[in-house]
PDB file of N, CA and C in Angstrom:
ATOM      1  N   MET A   1     115.622  83.773 139.040  1.00  0.00           N
ATOM      2  CA  MET A   1     114.622  84.652 139.582  1.00  0.00           C
ATOM      3  C   MET A   1     115.089  86.082 139.360  1.00  0.00           C
ATOM      4  N   ALA A   2     114.155  86.944 139.074  1.00  0.00           N
ATOM      5  CA  ALA A   2     114.441  88.373 138.932  1.00  0.00           C
ATOM      6  C   ALA A   2     113.497  89.138 139.841  1.00  0.00           C
ATOM      7  N   VAL A   3     113.981  90.212 140.398  1.00  0.00           N
ATOM      8  CA  VAL A   3     113.164  91.065 141.257  1.00  0.00           C
ATOM      9  C   VAL A   3     113.133  92.445 140.637  1.00  0.00           C
ATOM     10  N   LEU A   4     111.944  92.957 140.419  1.00  0.00           N
ATOM     11  CA  LEU A   4     111.779  94.294 139.866  1.00  0.00           C
ATOM     12  C   LEU A   4     111.191  95.187 140.936  1.00  0.00           C
ATOM     13  N   LEU A   5     111.745  96.364 141.080  1.00  0.00           N
ATOM     14  CA  LEU A   5     111.270  97.316 142.071  1.00  0.00           C
ATOM     15  C   LEU A   5     110.753  98.551 141.381  1.00  0.00           C
ATOM     16  N   GLY A   6     109.747  99.160 141.968  1.00  0.00           N
ATOM     17  CA  GLY A   6     109.234 100.405 141.421  1.00  0.00           C
ATOM     18  C   GLY A   6     107.820 100.255 140.911  1.00  0.00           C
ATOM     19  N   ILE A   7     107.286 101.349 140.477  1.00  0.00           N
ATOM     20  CA  ILE A   7     105.929 101.389 139.954  1.00  0.00           C
ATOM     21  C   ILE A   7     106.018 101.738 138.475  1.00  0.00           C
ATOM     22  N   PRO A   8     105.395 100.939 137.606  1.00  0.00           N
ATOM     23  CA  PRO A   8     105.457 101.259 136.179  1.00  0.00           C
ATOM     24  C   PRO A   8     104.735 102.565 135.879  1.00  0.00           C
ATOM     25  N   VAL A   9     105.212 103.276 134.870  1.00  0.00           N
ATOM     26  CA  VAL A   9     104.607 104.559 134.504  1.00  0.00           C
ATOM     27  C   VAL A   9     103.379 104.380 133.628  1.00  0.00           C
ATOM     28  N   SER A  10     103.130 103.169 133.158  1.00  0.00           N
ATOM     29  CA  SER A  10     101.943 102.914 132.345  1.00  0.00           C
ATOM     30  C   SER A  10     101.456 101.499 132.634  1.00  0.00           C
ATOM     31  N   ASP A  11     100.359 101.133 131.992  1.00  0.00           N
ATOM     32  CA  ASP A  11      99.842  99.779 132.168  1.00  0.00           C
ATOM     33  C   ASP A  11     100.873  98.753 131.717  1.00  0.00           C
ATOM     34  N   VAL A  12     100.856  97.609 132.371  1.00  0.00           N
ATOM     35  CA  VAL A  12     101.773  96.529 132.038  1.00  0.00           C
ATOM     36  C   VAL A  12     100.942  95.334 131.599  1.00  0.00           C
ATOM     37  N   SER A  13     101.310  94.728 130.485  1.00  0.00           N
ATOM     38  CA  SER A  13     100.604  93.524 130.048  1.00  0.00           C
ATOM     39  C   SER A  13     101.472  92.312 130.352  1.00  0.00           C
ATOM     40  N   VAL A  14     100.825  91.217 130.672  1.00  0.00           N
ATOM     41  CA  VAL A  14     101.516  89.985 131.025  1.00  0.00           C
ATOM     42  C   VAL A  14     101.019  88.883 130.098  1.00  0.00           C
ATOM     43  N   ASP A  15     101.937  88.121 129.542  1.00  0.00           N
ATOM     44  CA  ASP A  15     101.598  87.009 128.667  1.00  0.00           C
ATOM     45  C   ASP A  15     101.219  85.802 129.525  1.00  0.00           C
ATOM     46  N   LEU A  16      99.942  85.432 129.528  1.00  0.00           N
ATOM     47  CA  LEU A  16      99.486  84.315 130.356  1.00  0.00           C
ATOM     48  C   LEU A  16     100.111  82.992 129.927  1.00  0.00           C
ATOM     49  N   ASN A  17     100.418  82.841 128.642  1.00  0.00           N
ATOM     50  CA  ASN A  17     101.090  81.616 128.196  1.00  0.00           C
ATOM     51  C   ASN A  17     102.442  81.457 128.876  1.00  0.00           C
ATOM     52  N   GLU A  18     103.158  82.553 129.048  1.00  0.00           N
ATOM     53  CA  GLU A  18     104.457  82.475 129.707  1.00  0.00           C
ATOM     54  C   GLU A  18     104.293  82.053 131.166  1.00  0.00           C
ATOM     55  N   ILE A  19     103.277  82.561 131.819  1.00  0.00           N
ATOM     56  CA  ILE A  19     103.032  82.176 133.215  1.00  0.00           C
ATOM     57  C   ILE A  19     102.715  80.688 133.304  1.00  0.00           C
ATOM     58  N   LEU A  20     101.805  80.227 132.454  1.00  0.00           N
ATOM     59  CA  LEU A  20     101.361  78.836 132.521  1.00  0.00           C
ATOM     60  C   LEU A  20     102.402  77.853 131.997  1.00  0.00           C
ATOM     61  N   LEU A  21     102.949  78.134 130.818  1.00  0.00           N
ATOM     62  CA  LEU A  21     103.856  77.178 130.193  1.00  0.00           C
ATOM     63  C   LEU A  21     105.222  77.111 130.869  1.00  0.00           C
ATOM     64  N   TYR A  22     105.699  78.239 131.368  1.00  0.00           N
ATOM     65  CA  TYR A  22     107.034  78.280 131.963  1.00  0.00           C
ATOM     66  C   TYR A  22     106.996  78.400 133.484  1.00  0.00           C
ATOM     67  N   GLN A  23     105.812  78.255 134.053  1.00  0.00           N
ATOM     68  CA  GLN A  23     105.623  78.280 135.510  1.00  0.00           C
ATOM     69  C   GLN A  23     106.238  79.518 136.152  1.00  0.00           C
ATOM     70  N   ARG A  24     105.995  80.651 135.534  1.00  0.00           N
ATOM     71  CA  ARG A  24     106.478  81.925 136.075  1.00  0.00           C
ATOM     72  C   ARG A  24     105.595  82.336 137.256  1.00  0.00           C
ATOM     73  N   HIS A  25     106.167  83.072 138.158  1.00  0.00           N
ATOM     74  CA  HIS A  25     105.436  83.579 139.317  1.00  0.00           C
ATOM     75  C   HIS A  25     105.612  85.086 139.371  1.00  0.00           C
ATOM     76  N   TYR A  26     104.530  85.784 139.540  1.00  0.00           N
ATOM     77  CA  TYR A  26     104.570  87.239 139.683  1.00  0.00           C
ATOM     78  C   TYR A  26     103.933  87.584 141.020  1.00  0.00           C
ATOM     79  N   ARG A  27     104.562  88.466 141.748  1.00  0.00           N
ATOM     80  CA  ARG A  27     104.041  88.835 143.060  1.00  0.00           C
ATOM     81  C   ARG A  27     104.153  90.340 143.210  1.00  0.00           C
ATOM     82  N   GLY A  28     103.103  90.934 143.704  1.00  0.00           N
ATOM     83  CA  GLY A  28     103.111  92.369 143.950  1.00  0.00           C
ATOM     84  C   GLY A  28     103.226  92.652 145.437  1.00  0.00           C
ATOM     85  N   SER A  29     103.695  93.811 145.742  1.00  0.00           N
ATOM     86  CA  SER A  29     103.825  94.217 147.134  1.00  0.00           C
ATOM     87  C   SER A  29     103.624  95.718 147.215  1.00  0.00           C
ATOM     88  N   LEU A  30     102.821  96.124 148.133  1.00  0.00           N
ATOM     89  CA  LEU A  30     102.563  97.545 148.319  1.00  0.00           C
ATOM     90  C   LEU A  30     102.898  97.890 149.761  1.00  0.00           C
ATOM     91  N   GLY A  31     103.863  98.731 149.944  1.00  0.00           N
ATOM     92  CA  GLY A  31     104.264  99.119 151.288  1.00  0.00           C
ATOM     93  C   GLY A  31     103.657 100.450 151.675  1.00  0.00           C
ATOM     94  N   ALA A  32     103.861 100.812 152.892  1.00  0.00           N
ATOM     95  CA  ALA A  32     103.306 102.064 153.394  1.00  0.00           C
ATOM     96  C   ALA A  32     104.421 103.008 153.825  1.00  0.00           C
ATOM     97  N   THR A  33     105.505 103.033 153.076  1.00  0.00           N
ATOM     98  CA  THR A  33     106.630 103.889 153.416  1.00  0.00           C
ATOM     99  C   THR A  33     106.406 105.303 152.903  1.00  0.00           C
ATOM    100  N   VAL A  34     106.708 106.259 153.746  1.00  0.00           N
ATOM    101  CA  VAL A  34     106.693 107.670 153.353  1.00  0.00           C
ATOM    102  C   VAL A  34     108.155 108.109 153.378  1.00  0.00           C
ATOM    103  N   PRO A  35     108.807 108.145 152.206  1.00  0.00           N
ATOM    104  CA  PRO A  35     110.257 108.374 152.172  1.00  0.00           C
ATOM    105  C   PRO A  35     110.728 109.610 152.931  1.00  0.00           C
ATOM    106  N   ASP A  36     109.997 110.715 152.853  1.00  0.00           N
ATOM    107  CA  ASP A  36     110.454 111.949 153.511  1.00  0.00           C
ATOM    108  C   ASP A  36     110.585 111.797 155.019  1.00  0.00           C
ATOM    109  N   THR A  37     109.757 110.968 155.611  1.00  0.00           N
ATOM    110  CA  THR A  37     109.841 110.786 157.065  1.00  0.00           C
ATOM    111  C   THR A  37     110.504 109.469 157.451  1.00  0.00           C
ATOM    112  N   ASP A  38     110.266 108.423 156.660  1.00  0.00           N
ATOM    113  CA  ASP A  38     110.772 107.110 157.038  1.00  0.00           C
ATOM    114  C   ASP A  38     112.264 106.935 156.774  1.00  0.00           C
ATOM    115  N   PHE A  39     112.786 107.443 155.651  1.00  0.00           N
ATOM    116  CA  PHE A  39     114.199 107.241 155.341  1.00  0.00           C
ATOM    117  C   PHE A  39     115.124 107.875 156.376  1.00  0.00           C
ATOM    118  N   PRO A  40     114.849 109.095 156.844  1.00  0.00           N
ATOM    119  CA  PRO A  40     115.694 109.625 157.924  1.00  0.00           C
ATOM    120  C   PRO A  40     115.654 108.743 159.176  1.00  0.00           C
ATOM    121  N   LEU A  41     114.486 108.175 159.470  1.00  0.00           N
ATOM    122  CA  LEU A  41     114.374 107.275 160.617  1.00  0.00           C
ATOM    123  C   LEU A  41     115.214 106.016 160.390  1.00  0.00           C
ATOM    124  N   PHE A  42     115.136 105.448 159.180  1.00  0.00           N
ATOM    125  CA  PHE A  42     115.933 104.262 158.871  1.00  0.00           C
ATOM    126  C   PHE A  42     117.422 104.556 159.010  1.00  0.00           C
ATOM    127  N   MET A  43     117.860 105.729 158.542  1.00  0.00           N
ATOM    128  CA  MET A  43     119.272 106.098 158.646  1.00  0.00           C
ATOM    129  C   MET A  43     119.686 106.265 160.108  1.00  0.00           C
ATOM    130  N   GLU A  44     118.794 106.803 160.912  1.00  0.00           N
ATOM    131  CA  GLU A  44     119.074 106.926 162.348  1.00  0.00           C
ATOM    132  C   GLU A  44     119.257 105.539 162.957  1.00  0.00           C
ATOM    133  N   TRP A  45     118.402 104.599 162.585  1.00  0.00           N
ATOM    134  CA  TRP A  45     118.524 103.229 163.086  1.00  0.00           C
ATOM    135  C   TRP A  45     119.861 102.617 162.674  1.00  0.00           C
ATOM    136  N   VAL A  46     120.306 102.888 161.447  1.00  0.00           N
ATOM    137  CA  VAL A  46     121.599 102.375 160.985  1.00  0.00           C
ATOM    138  C   VAL A  46     122.714 102.952 161.847  1.00  0.00           C
ATOM    139  N   ARG A  47     122.695 104.272 162.068  1.00  0.00           N
ATOM    140  CA  ARG A  47     123.736 104.924 162.883  1.00  0.00           C
ATOM    141  C   ARG A  47     123.747 104.383 164.308  1.00  0.00           C
ATOM    142  N   GLU A  48     122.575 104.065 164.846  1.00  0.00           N
ATOM    143  CA  GLU A  48     122.478 103.569 166.221  1.00  0.00           C
ATOM    144  C   GLU A  48     122.731 102.063 166.331  1.00  0.00           C
ATOM    145  N   GLY A  49     122.941 101.405 165.202  1.00  0.00           N
ATOM    146  CA  GLY A  49     123.175  99.965 165.219  1.00  0.00           C
ATOM    147  C   GLY A  49     121.917  99.137 165.370  1.00  0.00           C
ATOM    148  N   LYS A  50     120.758  99.750 165.221  1.00  0.00           N
ATOM    149  CA  LYS A  50     119.487  99.030 165.351  1.00  0.00           C
ATOM    150  C   LYS A  50     119.070  98.341 164.052  1.00  0.00           C
ATOM    151  N   PHE A  51     119.714  98.690 162.964  1.00  0.00           N
ATOM    152  CA  PHE A  51     119.380  98.136 161.650  1.00  0.00           C
ATOM    153  C   PHE A  51     120.688  97.757 160.965  1.00  0.00           C
ATOM    154  N   PRO A  52     121.194  96.548 161.241  1.00  0.00           N
ATOM    155  CA  PRO A  52     122.519  96.151 160.742  1.00  0.00           C
ATOM    156  C   PRO A  52     122.507  95.827 159.244  1.00  0.00           C
ATOM    157  N   LEU A  53     122.867  96.797 158.426  1.00  0.00           N
ATOM    158  CA  LEU A  53     122.859  96.609 156.977  1.00  0.00           C
ATOM    159  C   LEU A  53     123.762  95.466 156.531  1.00  0.00           C
ATOM    160  N   GLU A  54     124.863  95.242 157.236  1.00  0.00           N
ATOM    161  CA  GLU A  54     125.808  94.207 156.820  1.00  0.00           C
ATOM    162  C   GLU A  54     125.178  92.814 156.834  1.00  0.00           C
ATOM    163  N   LYS A  55     124.121  92.621 157.620  1.00  0.00           N
ATOM    164  CA  LYS A  55     123.463  91.315 157.659  1.00  0.00           C
ATOM    165  C   LYS A  55     122.542  91.092 156.461  1.00  0.00           C
ATOM    166  N   LEU A  56     122.200  92.154 155.750  1.00  0.00           N
ATOM    167  CA  LEU A  56     121.333  92.007 154.577  1.00  0.00           C
ATOM    168  C   LEU A  56     122.081  91.394 153.402  1.00  0.00           C
ATOM    169  N   VAL A  57     123.377  91.658 153.304  1.00  0.00           N
ATOM    170  CA  VAL A  57     124.194  91.136 152.205  1.00  0.00           C
ATOM    171  C   VAL A  57     124.905  89.886 152.703  1.00  0.00           C
ATOM    172  N   THR A  58     124.555  88.739 152.121  1.00  0.00           N
ATOM    173  CA  THR A  58     125.135  87.477 152.579  1.00  0.00           C
ATOM    174  C   THR A  58     126.259  86.982 151.682  1.00  0.00           C
ATOM    175  N   ASN A  59     126.315  87.477 150.448  1.00  0.00           N
ATOM    176  CA  ASN A  59     127.347  87.036 149.511  1.00  0.00           C
ATOM    177  C   ASN A  59     127.861  88.226 148.716  1.00  0.00           C
ATOM    178  N   ARG A  60     129.170  88.227 148.461  1.00  0.00           N
ATOM    179  CA  ARG A  60     129.789  89.262 147.623  1.00  0.00           C
ATOM    180  C   ARG A  60     130.635  88.569 146.564  1.00  0.00           C
ATOM    181  N   TYR A  61     130.543  89.079 145.348  1.00  0.00           N
ATOM    182  CA  TYR A  61     131.285  88.513 144.224  1.00  0.00           C
ATOM    183  C   TYR A  61     131.949  89.640 143.449  1.00  0.00           C
ATOM    184  N   SER A  62     133.105  89.333 142.863  1.00  0.00           N
ATOM    185  CA  SER A  62     133.745  90.278 141.942  1.00  0.00           C
ATOM    186  C   SER A  62     133.187  90.013 140.544  1.00  0.00           C
ATOM    187  N   LEU A  63     133.476  90.906 139.608  1.00  0.00           N
ATOM    188  CA  LEU A  63     133.037  90.675 138.227  1.00  0.00           C
ATOM    189  C   LEU A  63     133.632  89.386 137.667  1.00  0.00           C
ATOM    190  N   ASP A  64     134.840  89.049 138.091  1.00  0.00           N
ATOM    191  CA  ASP A  64     135.465  87.808 137.632  1.00  0.00           C
ATOM    192  C   ASP A  64     134.722  86.572 138.139  1.00  0.00           C
ATOM    193  N   GLN A  65     133.933  86.731 139.184  1.00  0.00           N
ATOM    194  CA  GLN A  65     133.205  85.610 139.782  1.00  0.00           C
ATOM    195  C   GLN A  65     131.730  85.587 139.368  1.00  0.00           C
ATOM    196  N   ILE A  66     131.378  86.309 138.334  1.00  0.00           N
ATOM    197  CA  ILE A  66     129.961  86.447 137.981  1.00  0.00           C
ATOM    198  C   ILE A  66     129.316  85.105 137.626  1.00  0.00           C
ATOM    199  N   GLU A  67     130.050  84.224 136.977  1.00  0.00           N
ATOM    200  CA  GLU A  67     129.498  82.902 136.648  1.00  0.00           C
ATOM    201  C   GLU A  67     129.270  82.096 137.920  1.00  0.00           C
ATOM    202  N   GLU A  68     130.194  82.192 138.857  1.00  0.00           N
ATOM    203  CA  GLU A  68     130.038  81.526 140.155  1.00  0.00           C
ATOM    204  C   GLU A  68     128.793  82.054 140.871  1.00  0.00           C
ATOM    205  N   ALA A  69     128.573  83.351 140.802  1.00  0.00           N
ATOM    206  CA  ALA A  69     127.394  83.957 141.428  1.00  0.00           C
ATOM    207  C   ALA A  69     126.113  83.460 140.768  1.00  0.00           C
ATOM    208  N   ARG A  70     126.111  83.358 139.444  1.00  0.00           N
ATOM    209  CA  ARG A  70     124.925  82.881 138.732  1.00  0.00           C
ATOM    210  C   ARG A  70     124.586  81.448 139.142  1.00  0.00           C
ATOM    211  N   VAL A  71     125.603  80.595 139.209  1.00  0.00           N
ATOM    212  CA  VAL A  71     125.392  79.201 139.602  1.00  0.00           C
ATOM    213  C   VAL A  71     124.881  79.130 141.040  1.00  0.00           C
ATOM    214  N   ALA A  72     125.479  79.910 141.930  1.00  0.00           N
ATOM    215  CA  ALA A  72     125.050  79.921 143.333  1.00  0.00           C
ATOM    216  C   ALA A  72     123.593  80.356 143.449  1.00  0.00           C
ATOM    217  N   LEU A  73     123.195  81.335 142.662  1.00  0.00           N
ATOM    218  CA  LEU A  73     121.809  81.795 142.678  1.00  0.00           C
ATOM    219  C   LEU A  73     120.878  80.702 142.169  1.00  0.00           C
ATOM    220  N   GLU A  74     121.231  80.076 141.056  1.00  0.00           N
ATOM    221  CA  GLU A  74     120.403  79.006 140.490  1.00  0.00           C
ATOM    222  C   GLU A  74     120.266  77.827 141.441  1.00  0.00           C
ATOM    223  N   GLU A  75     121.323  77.513 142.171  1.00  0.00           N
ATOM    224  CA  GLU A  75     121.321  76.352 143.064  1.00  0.00           C
ATOM    225  C   GLU A  75     120.788  76.675 144.457  1.00  0.00           C
ATOM    226  N   GLY A  76     120.342  77.894 144.670  1.00  0.00           N
ATOM    227  CA  GLY A  76     119.758  78.260 145.958  1.00  0.00           C
ATOM    228  C   GLY A  76     120.768  78.444 147.071  1.00  0.00           C
ATOM    229  N   GLN A  77     122.026  78.703 146.716  1.00  0.00           N
ATOM    230  CA  GLN A  77     123.068  78.873 147.727  1.00  0.00           C
ATOM    231  C   GLN A  77     123.111  80.288 148.298  1.00  0.00           C
ATOM    232  N   ILE A  78     122.438  81.215 147.655  1.00  0.00           N
ATOM    233  CA  ILE A  78     122.401  82.598 148.141  1.00  0.00           C
ATOM    234  C   ILE A  78     121.130  82.752 148.957  1.00  0.00           C
ATOM    235  N   LEU A  79     121.281  82.855 150.257  1.00  0.00           N
ATOM    236  CA  LEU A  79     120.132  82.870 151.152  1.00  0.00           C
ATOM    237  C   LEU A  79     119.658  84.269 151.505  1.00  0.00           C
ATOM    238  N   GLY A  80     120.428  85.265 151.204  1.00  0.00           N
ATOM    239  CA  GLY A  80     120.045  86.645 151.497  1.00  0.00           C
ATOM    240  C   GLY A  80     120.165  87.471 150.237  1.00  0.00           C
ATOM    241  N   ARG A  81     121.035  88.455 150.260  1.00  0.00           N
ATOM    242  CA  ARG A  81     121.278  89.315 149.103  1.00  0.00           C
ATOM    243  C   ARG A  81     122.720  89.134 148.665  1.00  0.00           C
ATOM    244  N   ALA A  82     122.942  89.191 147.375  1.00  0.00           N
ATOM    245  CA  ALA A  82     124.296  89.099 146.835  1.00  0.00           C
ATOM    246  C   ALA A  82     124.622  90.388 146.103  1.00  0.00           C
ATOM    247  N   ILE A  83     125.875  90.767 146.150  1.00  0.00           N
ATOM    248  CA  ILE A  83     126.345  91.982 145.486  1.00  0.00           C
ATOM    249  C   ILE A  83     127.484  91.606 144.554  1.00  0.00           C
ATOM    250  N   ILE A  84     127.433  92.152 143.342  1.00  0.00           N
ATOM    251  CA  ILE A  84     128.555  92.042 142.412  1.00  0.00           C
ATOM    252  C   ILE A  84     129.346  93.338 142.562  1.00  0.00           C
ATOM    253  N   GLU A  85     130.572  93.236 143.054  1.00  0.00           N
ATOM    254  CA  GLU A  85     131.394  94.424 143.296  1.00  0.00           C
ATOM    255  C   GLU A  85     132.336  94.653 142.126  1.00  0.00           C
ATOM    256  N   PHE A  86     132.448  95.907 141.713  1.00  0.00           N
ATOM    257  CA  PHE A  86     133.388  96.254 140.652  1.00  0.00           C
ATOM    258  C   PHE A  86     133.897  97.647 140.849  1.00  0.00           C
TER     259      PHE A  86
END
């Protein structure tokens, strides 16, 4: 699985054969975040302990463990977010 974030700068075309033949799934999400006001609030929550960032990352791997991380991702062993540290 791959996750892409951001808004494309131009139109994006999708190959329907790839979706159908390879059972690909595409999902869009539109949030209502206003970075200038919301990000300072989020940082305040982090400082106050109301938004525990450490709970978002469930697995950490070194570059030497990248194959282990790939297998864990494929097998569904990563239940939150994983980070490759280097």
